[in-house]
PDB file of N, CA and C in Angstrom:
ATOM      1  N   MET A   1      22.616  18.090   8.875  1.00  0.00           N
ATOM      2  CA  MET A   1      23.469  17.251   8.063  1.00  0.00           C
ATOM      3  C   MET A   1      22.679  16.032   7.578  1.00  0.00           C
ATOM      4  N   LEU A   2      23.006  15.608   6.365  1.00  0.00           N
ATOM      5  CA  LEU A   2      22.344  14.443   5.779  1.00  0.00           C
ATOM      6  C   LEU A   2      22.781  13.158   6.473  1.00  0.00           C
ATOM      7  N   LYS A   3      21.848  12.211   6.556  1.00  0.00           N
ATOM      8  CA  LYS A   3      22.185  10.872   7.038  1.00  0.00           C
ATOM      9  C   LYS A   3      22.264   9.976   5.820  1.00  0.00           C
ATOM     10  N   PHE A   4      23.388   9.297   5.678  1.00  0.00           N
ATOM     11  CA  PHE A   4      23.588   8.349   4.582  1.00  0.00           C
ATOM     12  C   PHE A   4      23.677   6.962   5.201  1.00  0.00           C
ATOM     13  N   ILE A   5      22.631   6.169   4.979  1.00  0.00           N
ATOM     14  CA  ILE A   5      22.545   4.846   5.578  1.00  0.00           C
ATOM     15  C   ILE A   5      22.750   3.823   4.469  1.00  0.00           C
ATOM     16  N   CYS A   6      23.797   3.017   4.643  1.00  0.00           N
ATOM     17  CA  CYS A   6      24.160   2.110   3.558  1.00  0.00           C
ATOM     18  C   CYS A   6      24.722   0.803   4.089  1.00  0.00           C
ATOM     19  N   TYR A   7      24.935  -0.115   3.163  1.00  0.00           N
ATOM     20  CA  TYR A   7      25.641  -1.360   3.432  1.00  0.00           C
ATOM     21  C   TYR A   7      26.930  -1.265   2.619  1.00  0.00           C
ATOM     22  N   PRO A   8      28.083  -1.108   3.277  1.00  0.00           N
ATOM     23  CA  PRO A   8      29.340  -0.832   2.573  1.00  0.00           C
ATOM     24  C   PRO A   8      29.704  -1.817   1.456  1.00  0.00           C
ATOM     25  N   ARG A   9      29.233  -3.065   1.528  1.00  0.00           N
ATOM     26  CA  ARG A   9      29.575  -4.040   0.497  1.00  0.00           C
ATOM     27  C   ARG A   9      28.641  -3.967  -0.711  1.00  0.00           C
ATOM     28  N   CYS A  10      27.611  -3.156  -0.623  1.00  0.00           N
ATOM     29  CA  CYS A  10      26.637  -3.005  -1.715  1.00  0.00           C
ATOM     30  C   CYS A  10      27.211  -2.052  -2.775  1.00  0.00           C
ATOM     31  N   THR A  11      27.244  -2.493  -4.028  1.00  0.00           N
ATOM     32  CA  THR A  11      27.838  -1.664  -5.083  1.00  0.00           C
ATOM     33  C   THR A  11      27.025  -0.388  -5.330  1.00  0.00           C
ATOM     34  N   THR A  12      25.697  -0.460  -5.197  1.00  0.00           N
ATOM     35  CA  THR A  12      24.878   0.736  -5.376  1.00  0.00           C
ATOM     36  C   THR A  12      25.190   1.749  -4.272  1.00  0.00           C
ATOM     37  N   CYS A  13      25.380   1.265  -3.054  1.00  0.00           N
ATOM     38  CA  CYS A  13      25.744   2.155  -1.951  1.00  0.00           C
ATOM     39  C   CYS A  13      27.111   2.795  -2.200  1.00  0.00           C
ATOM     40  N   GLN A  14      28.034   2.005  -2.740  1.00  0.00           N
ATOM     41  CA  GLN A  14      29.368   2.526  -3.046  1.00  0.00           C
ATOM     42  C   GLN A  14      29.287   3.636  -4.089  1.00  0.00           C
ATOM     43  N   LYS A  15      28.446   3.435  -5.121  1.00  0.00           N
ATOM     44  CA  LYS A  15      28.267   4.461  -6.156  1.00  0.00           C
ATOM     45  C   LYS A  15      27.679   5.731  -5.551  1.00  0.00           C
ATOM     46  N   ALA A  16      26.684   5.554  -4.690  1.00  0.00           N
ATOM     47  CA  ALA A  16      26.031   6.708  -4.063  1.00  0.00           C
ATOM     48  C   ALA A  16      27.011   7.468  -3.177  1.00  0.00           C
ATOM     49  N   GLN A  17      27.823   6.749  -2.427  1.00  0.00           N
ATOM     50  CA  GLN A  17      28.796   7.407  -1.549  1.00  0.00           C
ATOM     51  C   GLN A  17      29.839   8.159  -2.373  1.00  0.00           C
ATOM     52  N   LYS A  18      30.268   7.558  -3.464  1.00  0.00           N
ATOM     53  CA  LYS A  18      31.237   8.215  -4.360  1.00  0.00           C
ATOM     54  C   LYS A  18      30.619   9.502  -4.919  1.00  0.00           C
ATOM     55  N   TRP A  19      29.350   9.432  -5.299  1.00  0.00           N
ATOM     56  CA  TRP A  19      28.644  10.589  -5.840  1.00  0.00           C
ATOM     57  C   TRP A  19      28.603  11.716  -4.796  1.00  0.00           C
ATOM     58  N   LEU A  20      28.240  11.382  -3.571  1.00  0.00           N
ATOM     59  CA  LEU A  20      28.195  12.383  -2.489  1.00  0.00           C
ATOM     60  C   LEU A  20      29.576  13.003  -2.276  1.00  0.00           C
ATOM     61  N   ASP A  21      30.602  12.159  -2.252  1.00  0.00           N
ATOM     62  CA  ASP A  21      31.967  12.641  -2.031  1.00  0.00           C
ATOM     63  C   ASP A  21      32.429  13.547  -3.173  1.00  0.00           C
ATOM     64  N   GLU A  22      32.132  13.154  -4.413  1.00  0.00           N
ATOM     65  CA  GLU A  22      32.542  13.959  -5.569  1.00  0.00           C
ATOM     66  C   GLU A  22      31.858  15.321  -5.588  1.00  0.00           C
ATOM     67  N   LYS A  23      30.638  15.370  -5.060  1.00  0.00           N
ATOM     68  CA  LYS A  23      29.890  16.636  -5.029  1.00  0.00           C
ATOM     69  C   LYS A  23      30.252  17.468  -3.804  1.00  0.00           C
ATOM     70  N   GLY A  24      31.091  16.922  -2.932  1.00  0.00           N
ATOM     71  CA  GLY A  24      31.502  17.635  -1.731  1.00  0.00           C
ATOM     72  C   GLY A  24      30.374  17.781  -0.705  1.00  0.00           C
ATOM     73  N   ILE A  25      29.472  16.841  -0.690  1.00  0.00           N
ATOM     74  CA  ILE A  25      28.322  16.901   0.212  1.00  0.00           C
ATOM     75  C   ILE A  25      28.673  16.197   1.518  1.00  0.00           C
ATOM     76  N   GLU A  26      28.448  16.895   2.622  1.00  0.00           N
ATOM     77  CA  GLU A  26      28.739  16.309   3.932  1.00  0.00           C
ATOM     78  C   GLU A  26      27.576  15.435   4.364  1.00  0.00           C
ATOM     79  N   TYR A  27      27.918  14.343   5.026  1.00  0.00           N
ATOM     80  CA  TYR A  27      26.888  13.416   5.491  1.00  0.00           C
ATOM     81  C   TYR A  27      27.412  12.630   6.680  1.00  0.00           C
ATOM     82  N   GLU A  28      26.464  12.084   7.416  1.00  0.00           N
ATOM     83  CA  GLU A  28      26.785  11.189   8.523  1.00  0.00           C
ATOM     84  C   GLU A  28      26.574   9.769   8.013  1.00  0.00           C
ATOM     85  N   LEU A  29      27.630   8.960   8.045  1.00  0.00           N
ATOM     86  CA  LEU A  29      27.588   7.600   7.513  1.00  0.00           C
ATOM     87  C   LEU A  29      27.132   6.610   8.580  1.00  0.00           C
ATOM     88  N   ARG A  30      26.256   5.707   8.174  1.00  0.00           N
ATOM     89  CA  ARG A  30      25.760   4.678   9.097  1.00  0.00           C
ATOM     90  C   ARG A  30      25.643   3.351   8.351  1.00  0.00           C
ATOM     91  N   ASN A  31      26.265   2.325   8.906  1.00  0.00           N
ATOM     92  CA  ASN A  31      26.224   0.988   8.325  1.00  0.00           C
ATOM     93  C   ASN A  31      24.919   0.310   8.759  1.00  0.00           C
ATOM     94  N   ILE A  32      24.055   0.034   7.801  1.00  0.00           N
ATOM     95  CA  ILE A  32      22.727  -0.510   8.089  1.00  0.00           C
ATOM     96  C   ILE A  32      22.789  -1.917   8.699  1.00  0.00           C
ATOM     97  N   LYS A  33      23.856  -2.645   8.427  1.00  0.00           N
ATOM     98  CA  LYS A  33      24.006  -3.998   8.978  1.00  0.00           C
ATOM     99  C   LYS A  33      24.366  -3.930  10.463  1.00  0.00           C
ATOM    100  N   GLU A  34      25.179  -2.938  10.819  1.00  0.00           N
ATOM    101  CA  GLU A  34      25.606  -2.788  12.210  1.00  0.00           C
ATOM    102  C   GLU A  34      24.588  -2.016  13.050  1.00  0.00           C
ATOM    103  N   GLU A  35      23.894  -1.080  12.433  1.00  0.00           N
ATOM    104  CA  GLU A  35      22.926  -0.261  13.163  1.00  0.00           C
ATOM    105  C   GLU A  35      21.649  -0.131  12.329  1.00  0.00           C
ATOM    106  N   ASN A  36      20.800  -1.115  12.479  1.00  0.00           N
ATOM    107  CA  ASN A  36      19.538  -1.154  11.739  1.00  0.00           C
ATOM    108  C   ASN A  36      18.639   0.013  12.140  1.00  0.00           C
ATOM    109  N   PRO A  37      17.938   0.612  11.171  1.00  0.00           N
ATOM    110  CA  PRO A  37      16.977   1.653  11.544  1.00  0.00           C
ATOM    111  C   PRO A  37      15.936   1.098  12.523  1.00  0.00           C
ATOM    112  N   THR A  38      15.587   1.913  13.500  1.00  0.00           N
ATOM    113  CA  THR A  38      14.603   1.499  14.503  1.00  0.00           C
ATOM    114  C   THR A  38      13.191   1.667  13.951  1.00  0.00           C
ATOM    115  N   PHE A  39      12.243   1.071  14.637  1.00  0.00           N
ATOM    116  CA  PHE A  39      10.834   1.218  14.272  1.00  0.00           C
ATOM    117  C   PHE A  39      10.464   2.702  14.231  1.00  0.00           C
ATOM    118  N   ASP A  40      10.862   3.460  15.255  1.00  0.00           N
ATOM    119  CA  ASP A  40      10.516   4.892  15.319  1.00  0.00           C
ATOM    120  C   ASP A  40      11.130   5.688  14.173  1.00  0.00           C
ATOM    121  N   GLU A  41      12.381   5.384  13.848  1.00  0.00           N
ATOM    122  CA  GLU A  41      13.025   6.070  12.720  1.00  0.00           C
ATOM    123  C   GLU A  41      12.288   5.762  11.422  1.00  0.00           C
ATOM    124  N   LEU A  42      12.035   4.480  11.194  1.00  0.00           N
ATOM    125  CA  LEU A  42      11.351   4.070   9.965  1.00  0.00           C
ATOM    126  C   LEU A  42       9.966   4.702   9.868  1.00  0.00           C
ATOM    127  N   LYS A  43       9.250   4.735  10.966  1.00  0.00           N
ATOM    128  CA  LYS A  43       7.910   5.322  10.974  1.00  0.00           C
ATOM    129  C   LYS A  43       7.981   6.811  10.625  1.00  0.00           C
ATOM    130  N   LYS A  44       8.951   7.505  11.210  1.00  0.00           N
ATOM    131  CA  LYS A  44       9.137   8.941  10.943  1.00  0.00           C
ATOM    132  C   LYS A  44       9.478   9.170   9.470  1.00  0.00           C
ATOM    133  N   TRP A  45      10.422   8.403   8.939  1.00  0.00           N
ATOM    134  CA  TRP A  45      10.834   8.568   7.545  1.00  0.00           C
ATOM    135  C   TRP A  45       9.688   8.248   6.600  1.00  0.00           C
ATOM    136  N   TYR A  46       8.926   7.232   6.936  1.00  0.00           N
ATOM    137  CA  TYR A  46       7.780   6.846   6.104  1.00  0.00           C
ATOM    138  C   TYR A  46       6.709   7.940   6.121  1.00  0.00           C
ATOM    139  N   THR A  47       6.394   8.441   7.304  1.00  0.00           N
ATOM    140  CA  THR A  47       5.320   9.447   7.396  1.00  0.00           C
ATOM    141  C   THR A  47       5.753  10.790   6.815  1.00  0.00           C
ATOM    142  N   GLU A  48       6.974  11.178   7.102  1.00  0.00           N
ATOM    143  CA  GLU A  48       7.431  12.497   6.639  1.00  0.00           C
ATOM    144  C   GLU A  48       7.946  12.473   5.204  1.00  0.00           C
ATOM    145  N   GLY A  49       8.411  11.315   4.748  1.00  0.00           N
ATOM    146  CA  GLY A  49       9.023  11.230   3.421  1.00  0.00           C
ATOM    147  C   GLY A  49       8.034  11.170   2.276  1.00  0.00           C
ATOM    148  N   GLY A  50       6.805  10.765   2.569  1.00  0.00           N
ATOM    149  CA  GLY A  50       5.790  10.707   1.519  1.00  0.00           C
ATOM    150  C   GLY A  50       5.975   9.583   0.512  1.00  0.00           C
ATOM    151  N   LEU A  51       6.812   8.618   0.824  1.00  0.00           N
ATOM    152  CA  LEU A  51       7.026   7.483  -0.083  1.00  0.00           C
ATOM    153  C   LEU A  51       6.109   6.332   0.310  1.00  0.00           C
ATOM    154  N   PRO A  52       5.710   5.519  -0.664  1.00  0.00           N
ATOM    155  CA  PRO A  52       4.949   4.310  -0.312  1.00  0.00           C
ATOM    156  C   PRO A  52       5.830   3.398   0.545  1.00  0.00           C
ATOM    157  N   LEU A  53       5.235   2.707   1.470  1.00  0.00           N
ATOM    158  CA  LEU A  53       5.995   1.844   2.377  1.00  0.00           C
ATOM    159  C   LEU A  53       6.786   0.777   1.626  1.00  0.00           C
ATOM    160  N   LYS A  54       6.257   0.308   0.519  1.00  0.00           N
ATOM    161  CA  LYS A  54       6.942  -0.711  -0.286  1.00  0.00           C
ATOM    162  C   LYS A  54       8.328  -0.228  -0.728  1.00  0.00           C
ATOM    163  N   LYS A  55       8.509   1.083  -0.898  1.00  0.00           N
ATOM    164  CA  LYS A  55       9.801   1.642  -1.323  1.00  0.00           C
ATOM    165  C   LYS A  55      10.899   1.445  -0.277  1.00  0.00           C
ATOM    166  N   PHE A  56      10.513   1.127   0.955  1.00  0.00           N
ATOM    167  CA  PHE A  56      11.498   0.931   2.016  1.00  0.00           C
ATOM    168  C   PHE A  56      11.997  -0.514   2.075  1.00  0.00           C
ATOM    169  N   PHE A  57      11.388  -1.396   1.290  1.00  0.00           N
ATOM    170  CA  PHE A  57      11.796  -2.805   1.294  1.00  0.00           C
ATOM    171  C   PHE A  57      12.809  -3.080   0.197  1.00  0.00           C
ATOM    172  N   ASN A  58      13.830  -3.845   0.536  1.00  0.00           N
ATOM    173  CA  ASN A  58      14.842  -4.295  -0.410  1.00  0.00           C
ATOM    174  C   ASN A  58      14.274  -5.523  -1.127  1.00  0.00           C
ATOM    175  N   THR A  59      13.461  -5.263  -2.149  1.00  0.00           N
ATOM    176  CA  THR A  59      12.728  -6.341  -2.823  1.00  0.00           C
ATOM    177  C   THR A  59      13.632  -7.289  -3.607  1.00  0.00           C
ATOM    178  N   SER A  60      14.868  -6.896  -3.867  1.00  0.00           N
ATOM    179  CA  SER A  60      15.776  -7.797  -4.593  1.00  0.00           C
ATOM    180  C   SER A  60      16.679  -8.569  -3.633  1.00  0.00           C
ATOM    181  N   GLY A  61      16.527  -8.342  -2.343  1.00  0.00           N
ATOM    182  CA  GLY A  61      17.383  -9.000  -1.361  1.00  0.00           C
ATOM    183  C   GLY A  61      17.017 -10.454  -1.110  1.00  0.00           C
ATOM    184  N   LEU A  62      18.014 -11.205  -0.698  1.00  0.00           N
ATOM    185  CA  LEU A  62      17.819 -12.630  -0.429  1.00  0.00           C
ATOM    186  C   LEU A  62      16.842 -12.862   0.717  1.00  0.00           C
ATOM    187  N   LEU A  63      16.935 -12.041   1.758  1.00  0.00           N
ATOM    188  CA  LEU A  63      16.060 -12.204   2.912  1.00  0.00           C
ATOM    189  C   LEU A  63      14.600 -11.948   2.533  1.00  0.00           C
ATOM    190  N   TYR A  64      14.377 -10.894   1.753  1.00  0.00           N
ATOM    191  CA  TYR A  64      13.025 -10.563   1.278  1.00  0.00           C
ATOM    192  C   TYR A  64      12.430 -11.752   0.520  1.00  0.00           C
ATOM    193  N   LYS A  65      13.242 -12.321  -0.354  1.00  0.00           N
ATOM    194  CA  LYS A  65      12.777 -13.446  -1.173  1.00  0.00           C
ATOM    195  C   LYS A  65      12.570 -14.708  -0.332  1.00  0.00           C
ATOM    196  N   SER A  66      13.507 -14.997   0.565  1.00  0.00           N
ATOM    197  CA  SER A  66      13.390 -16.223   1.368  1.00  0.00           C
ATOM    198  C   SER A  66      12.194 -16.154   2.320  1.00  0.00           C
ATOM    199  N   MET A  67      11.820 -14.953   2.735  1.00  0.00           N
ATOM    200  CA  MET A  67      10.658 -14.793   3.623  1.00  0.00           C
ATOM    201  C   MET A  67       9.343 -14.712   2.841  1.00  0.00           C
ATOM    202  N   GLU A  68       9.459 -14.739   1.501  1.00  0.00           N
ATOM    203  CA  GLU A  68       8.288 -14.662   0.614  1.00  0.00           C
ATOM    204  C   GLU A  68       7.422 -13.444   0.915  1.00  0.00           C
ATOM    205  N   LEU A  69       8.094 -12.308   1.111  1.00  0.00           N
ATOM    206  CA  LEU A  69       7.382 -11.087   1.504  1.00  0.00           C
ATOM    207  C   LEU A  69       6.522 -10.505   0.397  1.00  0.00           C
ATOM    208  N   LYS A  70       6.864 -10.811  -0.838  1.00  0.00           N
ATOM    209  CA  LYS A  70       6.050 -10.321  -1.956  1.00  0.00           C
ATOM    210  C   LYS A  70       4.583 -10.723  -1.756  1.00  0.00           C
ATOM    211  N   ASP A  71       4.384 -11.928  -1.268  1.00  0.00           N
ATOM    212  CA  ASP A  71       3.023 -12.437  -1.060  1.00  0.00           C
ATOM    213  C   ASP A  71       2.435 -12.024   0.290  1.00  0.00           C
ATOM    214  N   LYS A  72       3.298 -11.774   1.270  1.00  0.00           N
ATOM    215  CA  LYS A  72       2.822 -11.494   2.627  1.00  0.00           C
ATOM    216  C   LYS A  72       2.525 -10.016   2.891  1.00  0.00           C
ATOM    217  N   LEU A  73       3.314  -9.117   2.287  1.00  0.00           N
ATOM    218  CA  LEU A  73       3.171  -7.690   2.594  1.00  0.00           C
ATOM    219  C   LEU A  73       1.772  -7.118   2.338  1.00  0.00           C
ATOM    220  N   PRO A  74       1.109  -7.477   1.226  1.00  0.00           N
ATOM    221  CA  PRO A  74      -0.205  -6.886   0.957  1.00  0.00           C
ATOM    222  C   PRO A  74      -1.231  -7.081   2.088  1.00  0.00           C
ATOM    223  N   SER A  75      -1.097  -8.158   2.849  1.00  0.00           N
ATOM    224  CA  SER A  75      -2.071  -8.414   3.914  1.00  0.00           C
ATOM    225  C   SER A  75      -1.602  -7.891   5.276  1.00  0.00           C
ATOM    226  N   MET A  76      -0.413  -7.266   5.314  1.00  0.00           N
ATOM    227  CA  MET A  76       0.115  -6.744   6.575  1.00  0.00           C
ATOM    228  C   MET A  76      -0.224  -5.260   6.723  1.00  0.00           C
ATOM    229  N   SER A  77      -0.444  -4.835   7.952  1.00  0.00           N
ATOM    230  CA  SER A  77      -0.700  -3.410   8.215  1.00  0.00           C
ATOM    231  C   SER A  77       0.615  -2.637   8.095  1.00  0.00           C
ATOM    232  N   ASP A  78       0.516  -1.307   7.991  1.00  0.00           N
ATOM    233  CA  ASP A  78       1.722  -0.476   7.937  1.00  0.00           C
ATOM    234  C   ASP A  78       2.590  -0.718   9.172  1.00  0.00           C
ATOM    235  N   GLU A  79       1.942  -0.784  10.321  1.00  0.00           N
ATOM    236  CA  GLU A  79       2.695  -0.978  11.567  1.00  0.00           C
ATOM    237  C   GLU A  79       3.430  -2.324  11.556  1.00  0.00           C
ATOM    238  N   GLU A  80       2.783  -3.377  11.090  1.00  0.00           N
ATOM    239  CA  GLU A  80       3.425  -4.692  11.013  1.00  0.00           C
ATOM    240  C   GLU A  80       4.618  -4.664  10.056  1.00  0.00           C
ATOM    241  N   GLN A  81       4.458  -3.964   8.939  1.00  0.00           N
ATOM    242  CA  GLN A  81       5.552  -3.866   7.965  1.00  0.00           C
ATOM    243  C   GLN A  81       6.728  -3.091   8.545  1.00  0.00           C
ATOM    244  N   LEU A  82       6.446  -2.001   9.246  1.00  0.00           N
ATOM    245  CA  LEU A  82       7.513  -1.200   9.855  1.00  0.00           C
ATOM    246  C   LEU A  82       8.244  -2.000  10.932  1.00  0.00           C
ATOM    247  N   LYS A  83       7.494  -2.752  11.723  1.00  0.00           N
ATOM    248  CA  LYS A  83       8.124  -3.597  12.754  1.00  0.00           C
ATOM    249  C   LYS A  83       9.022  -4.640  12.096  1.00  0.00           C
ATOM    250  N   LEU A  84       8.573  -5.203  10.996  1.00  0.00           N
ATOM    251  CA  LEU A  84       9.363  -6.189  10.272  1.00  0.00           C
ATOM    252  C   LEU A  84      10.654  -5.563   9.735  1.00  0.00           C
ATOM    253  N   LEU A  85      10.542  -4.385   9.133  1.00  0.00           N
ATOM    254  CA  LEU A  85      11.724  -3.683   8.619  1.00  0.00           C
ATOM    255  C   LEU A  85      12.745  -3.423   9.726  1.00  0.00           C
ATOM    256  N   ALA A  86      12.259  -3.134  10.912  1.00  0.00           N
ATOM    257  CA  ALA A  86      13.141  -2.808  12.035  1.00  0.00           C
ATOM    258  C   ALA A  86      13.885  -4.024  12.586  1.00  0.00           C
ATOM    259  N   THR A  87      13.507  -5.227  12.131  1.00  0.00           N
ATOM    260  CA  THR A  87      14.162  -6.433  12.651  1.00  0.00           C
ATOM    261  C   THR A  87      15.497  -6.723  11.989  1.00  0.00           C
ATOM    262  N   ASP A  88      15.696  -6.260  10.745  1.00  0.00           N
ATOM    263  CA  ASP A  88      16.928  -6.612  10.022  1.00  0.00           C
ATOM    264  C   ASP A  88      17.209  -5.588   8.923  1.00  0.00           C
ATOM    265  N   GLY A  89      18.387  -4.986   8.979  1.00  0.00           N
ATOM    266  CA  GLY A  89      18.777  -3.974   7.999  1.00  0.00           C
ATOM    267  C   GLY A  89      18.806  -4.493   6.570  1.00  0.00           C
ATOM    268  N   MET A  90      18.965  -5.807   6.411  1.00  0.00           N
ATOM    269  CA  MET A  90      19.023  -6.367   5.069  1.00  0.00           C
ATOM    270  C   MET A  90      17.648  -6.366   4.385  1.00  0.00           C
ATOM    271  N   LEU A  91      16.589  -6.103   5.147  1.00  0.00           N
ATOM    272  CA  LEU A  91      15.259  -5.976   4.550  1.00  0.00           C
ATOM    273  C   LEU A  91      15.013  -4.576   3.998  1.00  0.00           C
ATOM    274  N   VAL A  92      15.821  -3.618   4.442  1.00  0.00           N
ATOM    275  CA  VAL A  92      15.599  -2.212   4.105  1.00  0.00           C
ATOM    276  C   VAL A  92      16.306  -1.842   2.806  1.00  0.00           C
ATOM    277  N   LYS A  93      15.583  -1.158   1.932  1.00  0.00           N
ATOM    278  CA  LYS A  93      16.137  -0.654   0.675  1.00  0.00           C
ATOM    279  C   LYS A  93      17.271   0.300   0.998  1.00  0.00           C
ATOM    280  N   ARG A  94      18.354   0.156   0.285  1.00  0.00           N
ATOM    281  CA  ARG A  94      19.487   1.024   0.535  1.00  0.00           C
ATOM    282  C   ARG A  94      20.118   1.456  -0.773  1.00  0.00           C
ATOM    283  N   PRO A  95      20.861   2.505  -0.766  1.00  0.00           N
ATOM    284  CA  PRO A  95      21.099   3.382   0.378  1.00  0.00           C
ATOM    285  C   PRO A  95      19.868   4.217   0.709  1.00  0.00           C
ATOM    286  N   LEU A  96      19.869   4.730   1.922  1.00  0.00           N
ATOM    287  CA  LEU A  96      18.859   5.699   2.353  1.00  0.00           C
ATOM    288  C   LEU A  96      19.582   7.025   2.535  1.00  0.00           C
ATOM    289  N   LEU A  97      18.997   8.081   2.030  1.00  0.00           N
ATOM    290  CA  LEU A  97      19.540   9.412   2.254  1.00  0.00           C
ATOM    291  C   LEU A  97      18.441  10.225   2.913  1.00  0.00           C
ATOM    292  N   ILE A  98      18.708  10.672   4.115  1.00  0.00           N
ATOM    293  CA  ILE A  98      17.705  11.379   4.904  1.00  0.00           C
ATOM    294  C   ILE A  98      18.136  12.831   5.072  1.00  0.00           C
ATOM    295  N   GLY A  99      17.279  13.735   4.610  1.00  0.00           N
ATOM    296  CA  GLY A  99      17.514  15.158   4.793  1.00  0.00           C
ATOM    297  C   GLY A  99      16.442  15.727   5.706  1.00  0.00           C
ATOM    298  N   GLU A 100      16.470  17.031   5.913  1.00  0.00           N
ATOM    299  CA  GLU A 100      15.470  17.655   6.786  1.00  0.00           C
ATOM    300  C   GLU A 100      14.071  17.542   6.218  1.00  0.00           C
ATOM    301  N   ASP A 101      13.952  17.604   4.894  1.00  0.00           N
ATOM    302  CA  ASP A 101      12.619  17.609   4.298  1.00  0.00           C
ATOM    303  C   ASP A 101      12.448  16.561   3.190  1.00  0.00           C
ATOM    304  N   PHE A 102      13.293  15.535   3.214  1.00  0.00           N
ATOM    305  CA  PHE A 102      13.141  14.472   2.210  1.00  0.00           C
ATOM    306  C   PHE A 102      13.749  13.163   2.700  1.00  0.00           C
ATOM    307  N   VAL A 103      13.290  12.081   2.075  1.00  0.00           N
ATOM    308  CA  VAL A 103      13.825  10.738   2.299  1.00  0.00           C
ATOM    309  C   VAL A 103      13.960  10.096   0.924  1.00  0.00           C
ATOM    310  N   LEU A 104      15.161   9.612   0.612  1.00  0.00           N
ATOM    311  CA  LEU A 104      15.388   8.937  -0.659  1.00  0.00           C
ATOM    312  C   LEU A 104      15.800   7.498  -0.391  1.00  0.00           C
ATOM    313  N   THR A 105      15.175   6.563  -1.107  1.00  0.00           N
ATOM    314  CA  THR A 105      15.551   5.156  -0.991  1.00  0.00           C
ATOM    315  C   THR A 105      16.138   4.712  -2.328  1.00  0.00           C
ATOM    316  N   GLY A 106      17.236   3.977  -2.254  1.00  0.00           N
ATOM    317  CA  GLY A 106      17.911   3.576  -3.484  1.00  0.00           C
ATOM    318  C   GLY A 106      18.687   4.760  -4.046  1.00  0.00           C
ATOM    319  N   PHE A 107      19.477   4.512  -5.066  1.00  0.00           N
ATOM    320  CA  PHE A 107      20.267   5.585  -5.665  1.00  0.00           C
ATOM    321  C   PHE A 107      19.879   5.770  -7.120  1.00  0.00           C
ATOM    322  N   ARG A 108      19.172   6.859  -7.363  1.00  0.00           N
ATOM    323  CA  ARG A 108      18.866   7.301  -8.723  1.00  0.00           C
ATOM    324  C   ARG A 108      19.439   8.710  -8.821  1.00  0.00           C
ATOM    325  N   GLU A 109      20.518   8.830  -9.575  1.00  0.00           N
ATOM    326  CA  GLU A 109      21.299  10.069  -9.598  1.00  0.00           C
ATOM    327  C   GLU A 109      20.448  11.310  -9.859  1.00  0.00           C
ATOM    328  N   LYS A 110      19.550  11.242 -10.830  1.00  0.00           N
ATOM    329  CA  LYS A 110      18.716  12.409 -11.170  1.00  0.00           C
ATOM    330  C   LYS A 110      17.880  12.844  -9.960  1.00  0.00           C
ATOM    331  N   GLU A 111      17.285  11.886  -9.298  1.00  0.00           N
ATOM    332  CA  GLU A 111      16.458  12.174  -8.129  1.00  0.00           C
ATOM    333  C   GLU A 111      17.302  12.786  -7.000  1.00  0.00           C
ATOM    334  N   TRP A 112      18.487  12.253  -6.810  1.00  0.00           N
ATOM    335  CA  TRP A 112      19.377  12.778  -5.763  1.00  0.00           C
ATOM    336  C   TRP A 112      19.808  14.203  -6.105  1.00  0.00           C
ATOM    337  N   GLU A 113      20.117  14.454  -7.390  1.00  0.00           N
ATOM    338  CA  GLU A 113      20.511  15.810  -7.799  1.00  0.00           C
ATOM    339  C   GLU A 113      19.408  16.814  -7.492  1.00  0.00           C
ATOM    340  N   GLU A 114      18.159  16.430  -7.781  1.00  0.00           N
ATOM    341  CA  GLU A 114      17.025  17.326  -7.568  1.00  0.00           C
ATOM    342  C   GLU A 114      16.862  17.672  -6.082  1.00  0.00           C
ATOM    343  N   LYS A 115      17.097  16.715  -5.209  1.00  0.00           N
ATOM    344  CA  LYS A 115      16.876  16.929  -3.777  1.00  0.00           C
ATOM    345  C   LYS A 115      18.073  17.507  -3.037  1.00  0.00           C
ATOM    346  N   VAL A 116      19.272  17.163  -3.485  1.00  0.00           N
ATOM    347  CA  VAL A 116      20.465  17.479  -2.706  1.00  0.00           C
ATOM    348  C   VAL A 116      21.209  18.713  -3.212  1.00  0.00           C
ATOM    349  N   LEU A 117      21.265  18.874  -4.538  1.00  0.00           N
ATOM    350  CA  LEU A 117      22.073  19.981  -5.082  1.00  0.00           C
ATOM    351  C   LEU A 117      21.300  21.282  -5.192  1.00  0.00           C
TER     352      LEU A 117
END
C-alpha cells in the first residue's frame, strides 16, 4: 500500500489527497507534523527513490528560509542534511507519496499519473 505523507493544512497536500481519492487509490495517511519521517526512513527514500536530496527540502517553507538553508545546504554532507530533515516535518517537501519502487515529493499530477496509475 502507498504511504501518503502530508500536512493536512497544506493546500497542495489537500489537492493531492483529493486526486488519490478521486482515482480510488488506497493509501496510508500520515500527518508529517505529528509523525516526522525518521532519519532511517528519509535515508531509505533518498537512496531508493533516486531523487536529489534537495528535492526532499521544503524550500518555500518558513523554517527553511529562517534557517537560511539555501546557503548552508551546499556545504553539508548528505548525512547531515538527512539528520536535519529528520528534526522537523516542516522542513520536508510535501506531500510525499511512497510506493514499493518510487518516491514522489510534491504534487505534480502528470508525474503522479505516470507512477501510480
